[in-house]
Amino acid sequence: MTVVNKLDKTISVDYQNSPTPALEGNLVVFYTGDDQQIQPDSAKAISKNGGKNAWHDFIEDGKTKVLYIYVFDTDSLQTYEERLPIAVLINQHKYIKQLRFTEDALKKAGWKITITP
């Protein structure tokens, strides 16, 4: 999957297969690292461990069969405690954008997600 950033700010993204993620996921510090940031007018490939069907399996494992993408302003993330689970910020709606995709919609889009204003 590829995420294209058309915003005028650096972003970090998280993906979930549930609208209310569990707290045992990645911490804020993971998303503020250089390798997790997507600069304006650039793209980043996001892979899912687990082989050829990893994204399919991940989406199918969710109750809603939807992939949720949470977009964060990376500069804003740096104001939070590094050891805070990203799920806390998701559950508090601290993201700048939430997108939802079925697997069919992702396939039609060529597994390319464009973040626009």
N, C-alpha and C. Protein backbone atom coordinates (compact mmCIF):
# COMPACT_ATOMS: atom_id res chain seq x y z
N MET A 1 0.86 -1.17 0.00
CA MET A 1 0.00 0.00 0.00
C MET A 1 0.90 1.23 0.00
N THR A 2 0.49 2.24 -0.73
CA THR A 2 1.24 3.49 -0.80
C THR A 2 0.36 4.64 -0.31
N VAL A 3 0.95 5.50 0.51
CA VAL A 3 0.25 6.69 0.99
C VAL A 3 0.94 7.91 0.38
N VAL A 4 0.14 8.74 -0.27
CA VAL A 4 0.63 9.96 -0.90
C VAL A 4 0.15 11.15 -0.07
N ASN A 5 1.08 12.02 0.30
CA ASN A 5 0.76 13.18 1.12
C ASN A 5 0.62 14.42 0.25
N LYS A 6 -0.59 14.92 0.09
CA LYS A 6 -0.85 16.16 -0.65
C LYS A 6 -1.15 17.32 0.30
N LEU A 7 -0.89 17.14 1.57
CA LEU A 7 -1.07 18.21 2.55
C LEU A 7 0.18 19.09 2.56
N ASP A 8 0.08 20.24 3.20
CA ASP A 8 1.23 21.14 3.29
C ASP A 8 2.02 20.94 4.58
N LYS A 9 1.87 19.77 5.19
CA LYS A 9 2.59 19.46 6.44
C LYS A 9 3.06 18.01 6.40
N THR A 10 4.04 17.73 7.20
CA THR A 10 4.55 16.37 7.33
C THR A 10 3.55 15.56 8.16
N ILE A 11 3.27 14.36 7.69
CA ILE A 11 2.29 13.52 8.39
C ILE A 11 2.91 12.18 8.77
N SER A 12 2.25 11.52 9.70
CA SER A 12 2.51 10.14 10.06
C SER A 12 1.17 9.44 10.04
N VAL A 13 1.14 8.18 9.62
CA VAL A 13 -0.14 7.46 9.54
C VAL A 13 -0.09 6.17 10.35
N ASP A 14 -1.23 5.82 10.85
CA ASP A 14 -1.42 4.54 11.53
C ASP A 14 -2.58 3.85 10.84
N TYR A 15 -2.53 2.54 10.81
CA TYR A 15 -3.64 1.78 10.25
C TYR A 15 -4.15 0.79 11.29
N GLN A 16 -5.44 0.57 11.25
CA GLN A 16 -6.11 -0.34 12.18
C GLN A 16 -7.20 -1.09 11.43
N ASN A 17 -7.64 -2.21 11.99
CA ASN A 17 -8.79 -2.92 11.43
C ASN A 17 -10.00 -2.81 12.35
N SER A 18 -9.94 -1.81 13.23
CA SER A 18 -11.02 -1.56 14.17
C SER A 18 -11.11 -0.05 14.40
N PRO A 19 -12.33 0.49 14.54
CA PRO A 19 -12.45 1.92 14.83
C PRO A 19 -12.03 2.28 16.25
N THR A 20 -11.91 1.28 17.13
CA THR A 20 -11.45 1.50 18.50
C THR A 20 -10.28 0.56 18.78
N PRO A 21 -9.07 0.98 18.44
CA PRO A 21 -7.91 0.10 18.56
C PRO A 21 -7.55 -0.22 20.00
N ALA A 22 -6.92 -1.39 20.18
CA ALA A 22 -6.45 -1.82 21.48
C ALA A 22 -5.21 -1.02 21.89
N LEU A 23 -4.97 -0.91 23.16
CA LEU A 23 -3.87 -0.09 23.67
C LEU A 23 -2.49 -0.72 23.54
N GLU A 24 -2.40 -1.98 23.11
CA GLU A 24 -1.09 -2.62 23.05
C GLU A 24 -0.34 -2.38 21.74
N GLY A 25 -0.77 -1.42 20.95
CA GLY A 25 -0.10 -1.12 19.68
C GLY A 25 1.14 -0.25 19.85
N ASN A 26 1.60 0.33 18.76
CA ASN A 26 2.80 1.15 18.75
C ASN A 26 2.64 2.40 19.61
N LEU A 27 3.78 2.89 20.06
CA LEU A 27 3.82 4.11 20.87
C LEU A 27 4.03 5.33 19.98
N VAL A 28 3.72 6.51 20.50
CA VAL A 28 3.86 7.76 19.76
C VAL A 28 5.27 7.90 19.19
N VAL A 29 6.29 7.52 19.94
CA VAL A 29 7.68 7.67 19.49
C VAL A 29 7.93 6.96 18.16
N PHE A 30 7.23 5.87 17.89
CA PHE A 30 7.36 5.15 16.62
C PHE A 30 6.99 6.04 15.44
N TYR A 31 5.97 6.85 15.58
CA TYR A 31 5.43 7.66 14.48
C TYR A 31 6.19 8.97 14.26
N THR A 32 7.04 9.35 15.20
CA THR A 32 7.79 10.60 15.05
C THR A 32 9.18 10.36 14.47
N GLY A 33 9.57 9.12 14.30
CA GLY A 33 10.86 8.81 13.69
C GLY A 33 10.88 9.18 12.22
N ASP A 34 12.05 9.53 11.71
CA ASP A 34 12.19 9.97 10.32
C ASP A 34 11.64 8.95 9.32
N ASP A 35 11.81 7.67 9.60
CA ASP A 35 11.36 6.64 8.66
C ASP A 35 9.85 6.46 8.63
N GLN A 36 9.13 7.07 9.55
CA GLN A 36 7.67 6.97 9.58
C GLN A 36 6.97 8.22 9.07
N GLN A 37 7.74 9.25 8.79
CA GLN A 37 7.15 10.52 8.36
C GLN A 37 6.98 10.55 6.84
N ILE A 38 5.91 11.20 6.42
CA ILE A 38 5.66 11.40 4.98
C ILE A 38 5.64 12.90 4.74
N GLN A 39 6.63 13.37 4.01
CA GLN A 39 6.78 14.79 3.74
C GLN A 39 5.68 15.26 2.77
N PRO A 40 5.41 16.56 2.73
CA PRO A 40 4.44 17.08 1.75
C PRO A 40 4.86 16.73 0.31
N ASP A 41 3.88 16.45 -0.52
CA ASP A 41 4.11 16.11 -1.92
C ASP A 41 5.07 14.94 -2.11
N SER A 42 4.95 13.95 -1.24
CA SER A 42 5.75 12.74 -1.38
C SER A 42 4.89 11.53 -1.04
N ALA A 43 5.45 10.36 -1.28
CA ALA A 43 4.72 9.11 -1.04
C ALA A 43 5.58 8.16 -0.23
N LYS A 44 4.92 7.24 0.45
CA LYS A 44 5.62 6.24 1.24
C LYS A 44 4.89 4.91 1.11
N ALA A 45 5.65 3.88 0.83
CA ALA A 45 5.08 2.53 0.82
C ALA A 45 4.96 2.04 2.26
N ILE A 46 3.81 1.47 2.57
CA ILE A 46 3.58 0.91 3.90
C ILE A 46 3.31 -0.58 3.71
N SER A 47 4.18 -1.37 4.29
CA SER A 47 4.02 -2.82 4.13
C SER A 47 3.43 -3.42 5.39
N LYS A 48 2.89 -4.60 5.22
CA LYS A 48 2.29 -5.35 6.33
C LYS A 48 2.97 -6.71 6.35
N ASN A 49 3.59 -7.05 7.46
CA ASN A 49 4.23 -8.36 7.57
C ASN A 49 3.20 -9.47 7.50
N GLY A 50 3.58 -10.57 6.89
CA GLY A 50 2.68 -11.71 6.83
C GLY A 50 2.51 -12.31 5.46
N GLY A 51 3.29 -11.87 4.50
CA GLY A 51 3.24 -12.48 3.17
C GLY A 51 2.27 -11.79 2.23
N LYS A 52 2.01 -12.49 1.14
CA LYS A 52 1.22 -11.95 0.03
C LYS A 52 -0.19 -11.52 0.43
N ASN A 53 -0.79 -12.23 1.35
CA ASN A 53 -2.18 -11.94 1.74
C ASN A 53 -2.28 -11.16 3.06
N ALA A 54 -1.19 -10.53 3.46
CA ALA A 54 -1.16 -9.87 4.78
C ALA A 54 -2.24 -8.80 4.93
N TRP A 55 -2.39 -7.91 3.93
CA TRP A 55 -3.41 -6.87 4.03
C TRP A 55 -4.81 -7.48 4.01
N HIS A 56 -5.04 -8.45 3.14
CA HIS A 56 -6.34 -9.13 3.08
C HIS A 56 -6.67 -9.73 4.44
N ASP A 57 -5.72 -10.48 5.00
CA ASP A 57 -5.96 -11.15 6.29
C ASP A 57 -6.22 -10.12 7.40
N PHE A 58 -5.46 -9.03 7.39
CA PHE A 58 -5.63 -8.00 8.42
C PHE A 58 -7.02 -7.38 8.35
N ILE A 59 -7.45 -7.05 7.16
CA ILE A 59 -8.79 -6.45 6.99
C ILE A 59 -9.87 -7.45 7.35
N GLU A 60 -9.73 -8.69 6.92
CA GLU A 60 -10.72 -9.73 7.22
C GLU A 60 -10.83 -10.03 8.70
N ASP A 61 -9.72 -9.86 9.43
CA ASP A 61 -9.74 -10.14 10.87
C ASP A 61 -10.52 -9.10 11.67
N GLY A 62 -10.76 -7.94 11.09
CA GLY A 62 -11.52 -6.89 11.78
C GLY A 62 -13.01 -7.17 11.74
N LYS A 63 -13.72 -6.75 12.76
CA LYS A 63 -15.17 -6.96 12.83
C LYS A 63 -15.91 -6.30 11.68
N THR A 64 -15.43 -5.10 11.27
CA THR A 64 -16.14 -4.33 10.25
C THR A 64 -15.63 -4.61 8.83
N LYS A 65 -14.54 -5.38 8.71
CA LYS A 65 -13.93 -5.70 7.38
C LYS A 65 -13.52 -4.42 6.66
N VAL A 66 -13.01 -3.45 7.43
CA VAL A 66 -12.61 -2.15 6.90
C VAL A 66 -11.21 -1.83 7.42
N LEU A 67 -10.41 -1.18 6.57
CA LEU A 67 -9.11 -0.68 6.98
C LEU A 67 -9.27 0.79 7.35
N TYR A 68 -8.87 1.13 8.57
CA TYR A 68 -8.96 2.50 9.06
C TYR A 68 -7.56 3.11 9.00
N ILE A 69 -7.46 4.27 8.37
CA ILE A 69 -6.20 5.00 8.27
C ILE A 69 -6.35 6.27 9.10
N TYR A 70 -5.43 6.47 10.03
CA TYR A 70 -5.44 7.65 10.87
C TYR A 70 -4.24 8.50 10.50
N VAL A 71 -4.50 9.75 10.16
CA VAL A 71 -3.46 10.68 9.71
C VAL A 71 -3.18 11.68 10.84
N PHE A 72 -1.91 11.79 11.19
CA PHE A 72 -1.49 12.70 12.25
C PHE A 72 -0.52 13.73 11.70
N ASP A 73 -0.61 14.95 12.21
CA ASP A 73 0.41 15.97 11.96
C ASP A 73 1.62 15.57 12.81
N THR A 74 2.73 15.26 12.17
CA THR A 74 3.90 14.77 12.89
C THR A 74 4.38 15.78 13.93
N ASP A 75 4.36 17.06 13.61
CA ASP A 75 4.78 18.07 14.58
C ASP A 75 3.90 18.03 15.83
N SER A 76 2.61 17.82 15.65
CA SER A 76 1.71 17.73 16.81
C SER A 76 1.99 16.48 17.64
N LEU A 77 2.32 15.38 16.97
CA LEU A 77 2.63 14.16 17.71
C LEU A 77 3.81 14.36 18.66
N GLN A 78 4.74 15.19 18.27
CA GLN A 78 5.94 15.40 19.08
C GLN A 78 5.64 16.13 20.38
N THR A 79 4.44 16.66 20.53
CA THR A 79 4.07 17.33 21.78
C THR A 79 3.54 16.35 22.83
N TYR A 80 3.30 15.10 22.43
CA TYR A 80 2.77 14.09 23.36
C TYR A 80 3.90 13.25 23.95
N GLU A 81 3.62 12.63 25.05
CA GLU A 81 4.56 11.73 25.71
C GLU A 81 4.94 10.61 24.75
N GLU A 82 6.24 10.38 24.57
CA GLU A 82 6.72 9.38 23.61
C GLU A 82 6.22 7.97 23.92
N ARG A 83 6.02 7.65 25.18
CA ARG A 83 5.63 6.29 25.59
C ARG A 83 4.12 6.08 25.57
N LEU A 84 3.38 7.07 25.12
CA LEU A 84 1.92 6.98 25.04
C LEU A 84 1.53 6.11 23.85
N PRO A 85 0.65 5.13 24.04
CA PRO A 85 0.19 4.33 22.89
C PRO A 85 -0.58 5.21 21.90
N ILE A 86 -0.33 5.03 20.62
CA ILE A 86 -1.02 5.83 19.59
C ILE A 86 -2.53 5.61 19.68
N ALA A 87 -2.95 4.45 20.17
CA ALA A 87 -4.38 4.16 20.31
C ALA A 87 -5.08 5.17 21.23
N VAL A 88 -4.36 5.67 22.21
CA VAL A 88 -4.95 6.67 23.11
C VAL A 88 -5.32 7.93 22.31
N LEU A 89 -4.41 8.35 21.43
CA LEU A 89 -4.68 9.54 20.62
C LEU A 89 -5.79 9.28 19.60
N ILE A 90 -5.84 8.07 19.07
CA ILE A 90 -6.93 7.72 18.15
C ILE A 90 -8.26 7.76 18.88
N ASN A 91 -8.32 7.15 20.04
CA ASN A 91 -9.57 7.11 20.79
C ASN A 91 -10.01 8.50 21.27
N GLN A 92 -9.04 9.44 21.38
CA GLN A 92 -9.36 10.82 21.75
C GLN A 92 -9.54 11.72 20.51
N HIS A 93 -9.53 11.11 19.34
CA HIS A 93 -9.72 11.83 18.07
C HIS A 93 -8.69 12.95 17.86
N LYS A 94 -7.43 12.67 18.17
CA LYS A 94 -6.36 13.65 18.02
C LYS A 94 -5.73 13.62 16.62
N TYR A 95 -6.25 12.83 15.73
CA TYR A 95 -5.76 12.76 14.36
C TYR A 95 -6.36 13.91 13.55
N ILE A 96 -5.73 14.23 12.40
CA ILE A 96 -6.28 15.29 11.56
C ILE A 96 -7.25 14.74 10.51
N LYS A 97 -7.16 13.43 10.29
CA LYS A 97 -8.06 12.83 9.31
C LYS A 97 -8.16 11.33 9.58
N GLN A 98 -9.37 10.80 9.40
CA GLN A 98 -9.59 9.36 9.46
C GLN A 98 -10.19 8.94 8.12
N LEU A 99 -9.62 7.93 7.53
CA LEU A 99 -10.13 7.39 6.27
C LEU A 99 -10.49 5.93 6.49
N ARG A 100 -11.50 5.47 5.75
CA ARG A 100 -11.94 4.07 5.86
C ARG A 100 -12.04 3.47 4.47
N PHE A 101 -11.50 2.26 4.33
CA PHE A 101 -11.51 1.59 3.04
C PHE A 101 -11.87 0.12 3.19
N THR A 102 -12.75 -0.34 2.31
CA THR A 102 -12.93 -1.78 2.20
C THR A 102 -11.78 -2.30 1.35
N GLU A 103 -11.59 -3.60 1.35
CA GLU A 103 -10.54 -4.17 0.52
C GLU A 103 -10.83 -3.94 -0.96
N ASP A 104 -12.09 -4.05 -1.35
CA ASP A 104 -12.46 -3.79 -2.76
C ASP A 104 -12.11 -2.36 -3.16
N ALA A 105 -12.37 -1.39 -2.30
CA ALA A 105 -12.05 0.00 -2.60
C ALA A 105 -10.54 0.19 -2.74
N LEU A 106 -9.77 -0.47 -1.89
CA LEU A 106 -8.32 -0.38 -1.98
C LEU A 106 -7.80 -1.01 -3.28
N LYS A 107 -8.39 -2.12 -3.65
CA LYS A 107 -7.99 -2.76 -4.92
C LYS A 107 -8.28 -1.85 -6.10
N LYS A 108 -9.47 -1.24 -6.11
CA LYS A 108 -9.84 -0.32 -7.20
C LYS A 108 -8.90 0.88 -7.27
N ALA A 109 -8.40 1.31 -6.12
CA ALA A 109 -7.47 2.45 -6.06
C ALA A 109 -6.03 2.03 -6.30
N GLY A 110 -5.81 0.75 -6.59
CA GLY A 110 -4.46 0.26 -6.80
C GLY A 110 -3.63 0.28 -5.53
N TRP A 111 -4.29 0.15 -4.40
CA TRP A 111 -3.65 0.17 -3.07
C TRP A 111 -2.88 1.47 -2.86
N LYS A 112 -3.39 2.55 -3.43
CA LYS A 112 -2.78 3.89 -3.29
C LYS A 112 -3.79 4.80 -2.61
N ILE A 113 -3.38 5.38 -1.49
CA ILE A 113 -4.23 6.26 -0.71
C ILE A 113 -3.62 7.66 -0.77
N THR A 114 -4.40 8.61 -1.23
CA THR A 114 -3.93 9.99 -1.33
C THR A 114 -4.57 10.83 -0.23
N ILE A 115 -3.74 11.46 0.58
CA ILE A 115 -4.22 12.30 1.67
C ILE A 115 -4.30 13.73 1.13
N THR A 116 -5.51 14.26 1.04
CA THR A 116 -5.74 15.59 0.52
C THR A 116 -6.32 16.49 1.60
N PRO A 117 -6.22 17.81 1.39
CA PRO A 117 -6.81 18.75 2.39
C PRO A 117 -8.31 18.58 2.51
